[in-house]
């Protein structure tokens, strides 16, 4: 699997929406993934709400990105 990079100029909502579109994912699948990886209960509705409010944590985005072969690349601005 090749590594795909997410543009750090995007906010977390845009990054997650990019992954969802590229991988044909639903909020239900992502909620199940986060529940299994973190041992905390996630629902599709709660996850959607987090995105809407801009409250998705970095570690949550990182778990999803890593699972689907993405890396979040931080670059120093010119």
PDB file of N, CA and C in Angstrom:
ATOM      1  N   UNK A   1       0.851  -1.165   0.000  1.00  0.00           N
ATOM      2  CA  UNK A   1       0.000   0.000   0.000  1.00  0.00           C
ATOM      3  C   UNK A   1       0.902   1.235   0.000  1.00  0.00           C
ATOM      4  N   UNK A   2       0.649   2.167  -0.887  1.00  0.00           N
ATOM      5  CA  UNK A   2       1.435   3.393  -0.909  1.00  0.00           C
ATOM      6  C   UNK A   2       0.898   4.360   0.149  1.00  0.00           C
ATOM      7  N   UNK A   3       1.784   5.192   0.648  1.00  0.00           N
ATOM      8  CA  UNK A   3       1.391   6.167   1.655  1.00  0.00           C
ATOM      9  C   UNK A   3       0.849   7.406   0.961  1.00  0.00           C
ATOM     10  N   UNK A   4      -0.267   7.885   1.438  1.00  0.00           N
ATOM     11  CA  UNK A   4      -0.893   9.083   0.902  1.00  0.00           C
ATOM     12  C   UNK A   4      -0.792  10.167   1.962  1.00  0.00           C
ATOM     13  N   UNK A   5      -0.466  11.379   1.545  1.00  0.00           N
ATOM     14  CA  UNK A   5      -0.311  12.476   2.493  1.00  0.00           C
ATOM     15  C   UNK A   5      -1.520  13.386   2.467  1.00  0.00           C
ATOM     16  N   UNK A   6      -1.888  13.869   3.643  1.00  0.00           N
ATOM     17  CA  UNK A   6      -2.966  14.845   3.773  1.00  0.00           C
ATOM     18  C   UNK A   6      -2.358  16.234   3.818  1.00  0.00           C
ATOM     19  N   UNK A   7      -2.990  17.153   3.175  1.00  0.00           N
ATOM     20  CA  UNK A   7      -2.536  18.537   3.137  1.00  0.00           C
ATOM     21  C   UNK A   7      -2.802  19.187   4.486  1.00  0.00           C
ATOM     22  N   UNK A   8      -1.753  19.650   5.158  1.00  0.00           N
ATOM     23  CA  UNK A   8      -1.933  20.235   6.485  1.00  0.00           C
ATOM     24  C   UNK A   8      -2.540  21.631   6.432  1.00  0.00           C
ATOM     25  N   UNK A   9      -2.735  22.175   5.245  1.00  0.00           N
ATOM     26  CA  UNK A   9      -3.430  23.453   5.121  1.00  0.00           C
ATOM     27  C   UNK A   9      -4.928  23.268   5.328  1.00  0.00           C
ATOM     28  N   UNK A  10      -5.383  22.016   5.306  1.00  0.00           N
ATOM     29  CA  UNK A  10      -6.794  21.705   5.527  1.00  0.00           C
ATOM     30  C   UNK A  10      -7.065  21.635   7.023  1.00  0.00           C
ATOM     31  N   UNK A  11      -8.309  21.888   7.415  1.00  0.00           N
ATOM     32  CA  UNK A  11      -8.677  21.645   8.805  1.00  0.00           C
ATOM     33  C   UNK A  11      -9.025  20.156   8.946  1.00  0.00           C
ATOM     34  N   UNK A  12      -9.239  19.710  10.171  1.00  0.00           N
ATOM     35  CA  UNK A  12      -9.475  18.286  10.407  1.00  0.00           C
ATOM     36  C   UNK A  12     -10.734  17.792   9.687  1.00  0.00           C
ATOM     37  N   UNK A  13     -11.735  18.646   9.571  1.00  0.00           N
ATOM     38  CA  UNK A  13     -12.966  18.250   8.878  1.00  0.00           C
ATOM     39  C   UNK A  13     -12.681  17.941   7.411  1.00  0.00           C
ATOM     40  N   UNK A  14     -11.923  18.820   6.766  1.00  0.00           N
ATOM     41  CA  UNK A  14     -11.600  18.598   5.354  1.00  0.00           C
ATOM     42  C   UNK A  14     -10.706  17.369   5.169  1.00  0.00           C
ATOM     43  N   UNK A  15      -9.785  17.168   6.105  1.00  0.00           N
ATOM     44  CA  UNK A  15      -8.928  15.980   6.022  1.00  0.00           C
ATOM     45  C   UNK A  15      -9.761  14.713   6.115  1.00  0.00           C
ATOM     46  N   UNK A  16     -10.660  14.664   7.101  1.00  0.00           N
ATOM     47  CA  UNK A  16     -11.476  13.473   7.275  1.00  0.00           C
ATOM     48  C   UNK A  16     -12.422  13.272   6.100  1.00  0.00           C
ATOM     49  N   UNK A  17     -12.999  14.350   5.598  1.00  0.00           N
ATOM     50  CA  UNK A  17     -13.888  14.240   4.440  1.00  0.00           C
ATOM     51  C   UNK A  17     -13.124  13.715   3.223  1.00  0.00           C
ATOM     52  N   UNK A  18     -11.861  14.107   3.076  1.00  0.00           N
ATOM     53  CA  UNK A  18     -11.021  13.609   1.985  1.00  0.00           C
ATOM     54  C   UNK A  18     -10.830  12.103   2.105  1.00  0.00           C
ATOM     55  N   UNK A  19     -10.498  11.641   3.310  1.00  0.00           N
ATOM     56  CA  UNK A  19     -10.318  10.201   3.537  1.00  0.00           C
ATOM     57  C   UNK A  19     -11.625   9.469   3.264  1.00  0.00           C
ATOM     58  N   UNK A  20     -12.728  10.005   3.775  1.00  0.00           N
ATOM     59  CA  UNK A  20     -14.027   9.345   3.586  1.00  0.00           C
ATOM     60  C   UNK A  20     -14.373   9.220   2.096  1.00  0.00           C
ATOM     61  N   UNK A  21     -14.117  10.265   1.330  1.00  0.00           N
ATOM     62  CA  UNK A  21     -14.428  10.232  -0.098  1.00  0.00           C
ATOM     63  C   UNK A  21     -13.511   9.263  -0.837  1.00  0.00           C
ATOM     64  N   UNK A  22     -12.221   9.308  -0.546  1.00  0.00           N
ATOM     65  CA  UNK A  22     -11.253   8.448  -1.235  1.00  0.00           C
ATOM     66  C   UNK A  22     -11.465   6.969  -0.921  1.00  0.00           C
ATOM     67  N   UNK A  23     -11.879   6.678   0.305  1.00  0.00           N
ATOM     68  CA  UNK A  23     -12.000   5.288   0.757  1.00  0.00           C
ATOM     69  C   UNK A  23     -13.448   4.799   0.819  1.00  0.00           C
ATOM     70  N   UNK A  24     -14.390   5.619   0.386  1.00  0.00           N
ATOM     71  CA  UNK A  24     -15.824   5.277   0.395  1.00  0.00           C
ATOM     72  C   UNK A  24     -16.277   4.834   1.795  1.00  0.00           C
ATOM     73  N   UNK A  25     -15.975   5.659   2.784  1.00  0.00           N
ATOM     74  CA  UNK A  25     -16.287   5.345   4.175  1.00  0.00           C
ATOM     75  C   UNK A  25     -17.546   6.061   4.634  1.00  0.00           C
ATOM     76  N   UNK A  26     -18.182   5.473   5.620  1.00  0.00           N
ATOM     77  CA  UNK A  26     -19.352   6.075   6.257  1.00  0.00           C
ATOM     78  C   UNK A  26     -18.979   6.440   7.687  1.00  0.00           C
ATOM     79  N   UNK A  27     -19.785   7.289   8.295  1.00  0.00           N
ATOM     80  CA  UNK A  27     -19.575   7.616   9.703  1.00  0.00           C
ATOM     81  C   UNK A  27     -19.702   6.360  10.569  1.00  0.00           C
ATOM     82  N   UNK A  28     -20.569   5.443  10.174  1.00  0.00           N
ATOM     83  CA  UNK A  28     -20.745   4.202  10.942  1.00  0.00           C
ATOM     84  C   UNK A  28     -19.448   3.400  10.970  1.00  0.00           C
ATOM     85  N   UNK A  29     -18.780   3.270   9.810  1.00  0.00           N
ATOM     86  CA  UNK A  29     -17.527   2.514   9.748  1.00  0.00           C
ATOM     87  C   UNK A  29     -16.447   3.199  10.580  1.00  0.00           C
ATOM     88  N   UNK A  30     -16.389   4.518  10.499  1.00  0.00           N
ATOM     89  CA  UNK A  30     -15.378   5.248  11.261  1.00  0.00           C
ATOM     90  C   UNK A  30     -15.644   5.175  12.754  1.00  0.00           C
ATOM     91  N   UNK A  31     -16.898   5.247  13.154  1.00  0.00           N
ATOM     92  CA  UNK A  31     -17.249   5.136  14.568  1.00  0.00           C
ATOM     93  C   UNK A  31     -16.858   3.749  15.094  1.00  0.00           C
ATOM     94  N   UNK A  32     -17.103   2.713  14.314  1.00  0.00           N
ATOM     95  CA  UNK A  32     -16.731   1.358  14.722  1.00  0.00           C
ATOM     96  C   UNK A  32     -15.211   1.232  14.842  1.00  0.00           C
ATOM     97  N   UNK A  33     -14.479   1.819  13.913  1.00  0.00           N
ATOM     98  CA  UNK A  33     -13.018   1.786  13.954  1.00  0.00           C
ATOM     99  C   UNK A  33     -12.499   2.477  15.209  1.00  0.00           C
ATOM    100  N   UNK A  34     -12.983   3.685  15.478  1.00  0.00           N
ATOM    101  CA  UNK A  34     -12.524   4.417  16.657  1.00  0.00           C
ATOM    102  C   UNK A  34     -12.898   3.699  17.946  1.00  0.00           C
ATOM    103  N   UNK A  35     -14.069   3.102  17.985  1.00  0.00           N
ATOM    104  CA  UNK A  35     -14.484   2.340  19.166  1.00  0.00           C
ATOM    105  C   UNK A  35     -13.532   1.171  19.409  1.00  0.00           C
ATOM    106  N   UNK A  36     -13.176   0.454  18.350  1.00  0.00           N
ATOM    107  CA  UNK A  36     -12.297  -0.708  18.517  1.00  0.00           C
ATOM    108  C   UNK A  36     -10.867  -0.306  18.870  1.00  0.00           C
ATOM    109  N   UNK A  37     -10.396   0.810  18.353  1.00  0.00           N
ATOM    110  CA  UNK A  37      -9.007   1.227  18.603  1.00  0.00           C
ATOM    111  C   UNK A  37      -8.831   1.930  19.947  1.00  0.00           C
ATOM    112  N   UNK A  38      -9.850   2.668  20.395  1.00  0.00           N
ATOM    113  CA  UNK A  38      -9.698   3.457  21.616  1.00  0.00           C
ATOM    114  C   UNK A  38     -10.393   2.850  22.823  1.00  0.00           C
ATOM    115  N   UNK A  39     -11.262   1.874  22.594  1.00  0.00           N
ATOM    116  CA  UNK A  39     -12.071   1.253  23.666  1.00  0.00           C
ATOM    117  C   UNK A  39     -13.057   2.242  24.283  1.00  0.00           C
ATOM    118  N   UNK A  40     -13.339   3.331  23.553  1.00  0.00           N
ATOM    119  CA  UNK A  40     -14.373   4.291  23.959  1.00  0.00           C
ATOM    120  C   UNK A  40     -15.512   4.153  22.962  1.00  0.00           C
ATOM    121  N   UNK A  41     -16.721   4.405  23.401  1.00  0.00           N
ATOM    122  CA  UNK A  41     -17.894   4.257  22.541  1.00  0.00           C
ATOM    123  C   UNK A  41     -18.047   5.479  21.624  1.00  0.00           C
ATOM    124  N   UNK A  42     -18.037   5.231  20.325  1.00  0.00           N
ATOM    125  CA  UNK A  42     -18.296   6.265  19.321  1.00  0.00           C
ATOM    126  C   UNK A  42     -19.544   5.865  18.551  1.00  0.00           C
ATOM    127  N   UNK A  43     -20.339   6.849  18.184  1.00  0.00           N
ATOM    128  CA  UNK A  43     -21.485   6.610  17.309  1.00  0.00           C
ATOM    129  C   UNK A  43     -21.320   7.478  16.078  1.00  0.00           C
ATOM    130  N   UNK A  44     -22.021   7.114  15.019  1.00  0.00           N
ATOM    131  CA  UNK A  44     -21.973   7.888  13.783  1.00  0.00           C
ATOM    132  C   UNK A  44     -22.455   9.315  14.020  1.00  0.00           C
ATOM    133  N   UNK A  45     -23.519   9.465  14.795  1.00  0.00           N
ATOM    134  CA  UNK A  45     -24.074  10.782  15.080  1.00  0.00           C
ATOM    135  C   UNK A  45     -23.090  11.644  15.869  1.00  0.00           C
ATOM    136  N   UNK A  46     -22.460  11.071  16.869  1.00  0.00           N
ATOM    137  CA  UNK A  46     -21.495  11.817  17.682  1.00  0.00           C
ATOM    138  C   UNK A  46     -20.288  12.230  16.847  1.00  0.00           C
ATOM    139  N   UNK A  47     -19.816  11.340  15.990  1.00  0.00           N
ATOM    140  CA  UNK A  47     -18.679  11.641  15.133  1.00  0.00           C
ATOM    141  C   UNK A  47     -19.016  12.749  14.144  1.00  0.00           C
ATOM    142  N   UNK A  48     -20.186  12.683  13.553  1.00  0.00           N
ATOM    143  CA  UNK A  48     -20.640  13.726  12.643  1.00  0.00           C
ATOM    144  C   UNK A  48     -20.730  15.072  13.371  1.00  0.00           C
ATOM    145  N   UNK A  49     -21.235  15.047  14.588  1.00  0.00           N
ATOM    146  CA  UNK A  49     -21.343  16.262  15.389  1.00  0.00           C
ATOM    147  C   UNK A  49     -19.982  16.856  15.720  1.00  0.00           C
ATOM    148  N   UNK A  50     -19.012  15.990  16.032  1.00  0.00           N
ATOM    149  CA  UNK A  50     -17.664  16.465  16.308  1.00  0.00           C
ATOM    150  C   UNK A  50     -17.094  17.198  15.091  1.00  0.00           C
ATOM    151  N   UNK A  51     -17.316  16.640  13.932  1.00  0.00           N
ATOM    152  CA  UNK A  51     -16.820  17.292  12.710  1.00  0.00           C
ATOM    153  C   UNK A  51     -17.522  18.618  12.479  1.00  0.00           C
ATOM    154  N   UNK A  52     -18.811  18.640  12.647  1.00  0.00           N
ATOM    155  CA  UNK A  52     -19.599  19.850  12.424  1.00  0.00           C
ATOM    156  C   UNK A  52     -19.143  20.980  13.351  1.00  0.00           C
ATOM    157  N   UNK A  53     -18.847  20.630  14.601  1.00  0.00           N
ATOM    158  CA  UNK A  53     -18.428  21.617  15.598  1.00  0.00           C
ATOM    159  C   UNK A  53     -16.927  21.899  15.562  1.00  0.00           C
ATOM    160  N   UNK A  54     -16.183  21.137  14.761  1.00  0.00           N
ATOM    161  CA  UNK A  54     -14.729  21.307  14.705  1.00  0.00           C
ATOM    162  C   UNK A  54     -14.037  20.779  15.945  1.00  0.00           C
ATOM    163  N   UNK A  55     -14.566  19.709  16.526  1.00  0.00           N
ATOM    164  CA  UNK A  55     -14.057  19.181  17.792  1.00  0.00           C
ATOM    165  C   UNK A  55     -13.355  17.825  17.656  1.00  0.00           C
ATOM    166  N   UNK A  56     -13.074  17.381  16.440  1.00  0.00           N
ATOM    167  CA  UNK A  56     -12.367  16.117  16.253  1.00  0.00           C
ATOM    168  C   UNK A  56     -10.943  16.287  16.762  1.00  0.00           C
ATOM    169  N   UNK A  57     -10.518  15.408  17.655  1.00  0.00           N
ATOM    170  CA  UNK A  57      -9.177  15.498  18.218  1.00  0.00           C
ATOM    171  C   UNK A  57      -8.149  14.977  17.224  1.00  0.00           C
ATOM    172  N   UNK A  58      -6.922  15.461  17.368  1.00  0.00           N
ATOM    173  CA  UNK A  58      -5.836  15.046  16.488  1.00  0.00           C
ATOM    174  C   UNK A  58      -5.619  13.544  16.568  1.00  0.00           C
ATOM    175  N   UNK A  59      -5.631  12.983  17.771  1.00  0.00           N
ATOM    176  CA  UNK A  59      -5.380  11.550  17.911  1.00  0.00           C
ATOM    177  C   UNK A  59      -6.459  10.724  17.218  1.00  0.00           C
ATOM    178  N   UNK A  60      -7.696  11.210  17.196  1.00  0.00           N
ATOM    179  CA  UNK A  60      -8.772  10.502  16.494  1.00  0.00           C
ATOM    180  C   UNK A  60      -8.527  10.535  14.988  1.00  0.00           C
ATOM    181  N   UNK A  61      -8.154  11.697  14.474  1.00  0.00           N
ATOM    182  CA  UNK A  61      -7.851  11.822  13.046  1.00  0.00           C
ATOM    183  C   UNK A  61      -6.653  10.963  12.680  1.00  0.00           C
ATOM    184  N   UNK A  62      -5.658  10.934  13.545  1.00  0.00           N
ATOM    185  CA  UNK A  62      -4.456  10.147  13.284  1.00  0.00           C
ATOM    186  C   UNK A  62      -4.764   8.645  13.212  1.00  0.00           C
ATOM    187  N   UNK A  63      -5.626   8.155  14.079  1.00  0.00           N
ATOM    188  CA  UNK A  63      -6.017   6.741  14.064  1.00  0.00           C
ATOM    189  C   UNK A  63      -6.668   6.401  12.722  1.00  0.00           C
ATOM    190  N   UNK A  64      -7.588   7.246  12.294  1.00  0.00           N
ATOM    191  CA  UNK A  64      -8.297   7.008  11.035  1.00  0.00           C
ATOM    192  C   UNK A  64      -7.326   7.081   9.857  1.00  0.00           C
ATOM    193  N   UNK A  65      -6.494   8.110   9.839  1.00  0.00           N
ATOM    194  CA  UNK A  65      -5.541   8.282   8.738  1.00  0.00           C
ATOM    195  C   UNK A  65      -4.611   7.079   8.633  1.00  0.00           C
ATOM    196  N   UNK A  66      -4.065   6.658   9.752  1.00  0.00           N
ATOM    197  CA  UNK A  66      -3.131   5.528   9.762  1.00  0.00           C
ATOM    198  C   UNK A  66      -3.802   4.242   9.274  1.00  0.00           C
ATOM    199  N   UNK A  67      -5.032   4.009   9.707  1.00  0.00           N
ATOM    200  CA  UNK A  67      -5.760   2.791   9.324  1.00  0.00           C
ATOM    201  C   UNK A  67      -5.919   2.676   7.807  1.00  0.00           C
ATOM    202  N   UNK A  68      -6.060   3.813   7.135  1.00  0.00           N
ATOM    203  CA  UNK A  68      -6.306   3.788   5.698  1.00  0.00           C
ATOM    204  C   UNK A  68      -5.095   4.205   4.873  1.00  0.00           C
ATOM    205  N   UNK A  69      -3.911   4.205   5.495  1.00  0.00           N
ATOM    206  CA  UNK A  69      -2.671   4.419   4.759  1.00  0.00           C
ATOM    207  C   UNK A  69      -2.317   5.873   4.490  1.00  0.00           C
ATOM    208  N   UNK A  70      -2.824   6.789   5.318  1.00  0.00           N
ATOM    209  CA  UNK A  70      -2.515   8.211   5.166  1.00  0.00           C
ATOM    210  C   UNK A  70      -1.567   8.655   6.264  1.00  0.00           C
ATOM    211  N   UNK A  71      -0.758   9.671   5.960  1.00  0.00           N
ATOM    212  CA  UNK A  71       0.087  10.316   6.956  1.00  0.00           C
ATOM    213  C   UNK A  71      -0.247  11.791   6.952  1.00  0.00           C
ATOM    214  N   UNK A  72      -0.247  12.355   8.130  1.00  0.00           N
ATOM    215  CA  UNK A  72      -0.440  13.790   8.269  1.00  0.00           C
ATOM    216  C   UNK A  72       0.946  14.386   8.324  1.00  0.00           C
ATOM    217  N   UNK A  73       1.260  15.178   7.345  1.00  0.00           N
ATOM    218  CA  UNK A  73       2.610  15.698   7.203  1.00  0.00           C
ATOM    219  C   UNK A  73       2.631  17.174   7.602  1.00  0.00           C
ATOM    220  N   UNK A  74       3.447  17.490   8.596  1.00  0.00           N
ATOM    221  CA  UNK A  74       3.586  18.846   9.072  1.00  0.00           C
ATOM    222  C   UNK A  74       4.835  19.452   8.450  1.00  0.00           C
ATOM    223  N   UNK A  75       4.676  20.576   7.793  1.00  0.00           N
ATOM    224  CA  UNK A  75       5.804  21.240   7.166  1.00  0.00           C
ATOM    225  C   UNK A  75       5.924  22.661   7.690  1.00  0.00           C
ATOM    226  N   UNK A  76       7.134  23.115   7.845  1.00  0.00           N
ATOM    227  CA  UNK A  76       7.379  24.469   8.289  1.00  0.00           C
ATOM    228  C   UNK A  76       7.039  25.438   7.153  1.00  0.00           C
ATOM    229  N   UNK A  77       6.324  26.502   7.505  1.00  0.00           N
ATOM    230  CA  UNK A  77       5.948  27.491   6.499  1.00  0.00           C
ATOM    231  C   UNK A  77       7.177  28.243   6.026  1.00  0.00           C
ATOM    232  N   UNK A  78       7.136  28.657   4.794  1.00  0.00           N
ATOM    233  CA  UNK A  78       8.274  29.425   4.230  1.00  0.00           C
ATOM    234  C   UNK A  78       8.359  30.802   4.792  1.00  0.00           C
TER     235      UNK A  78
END
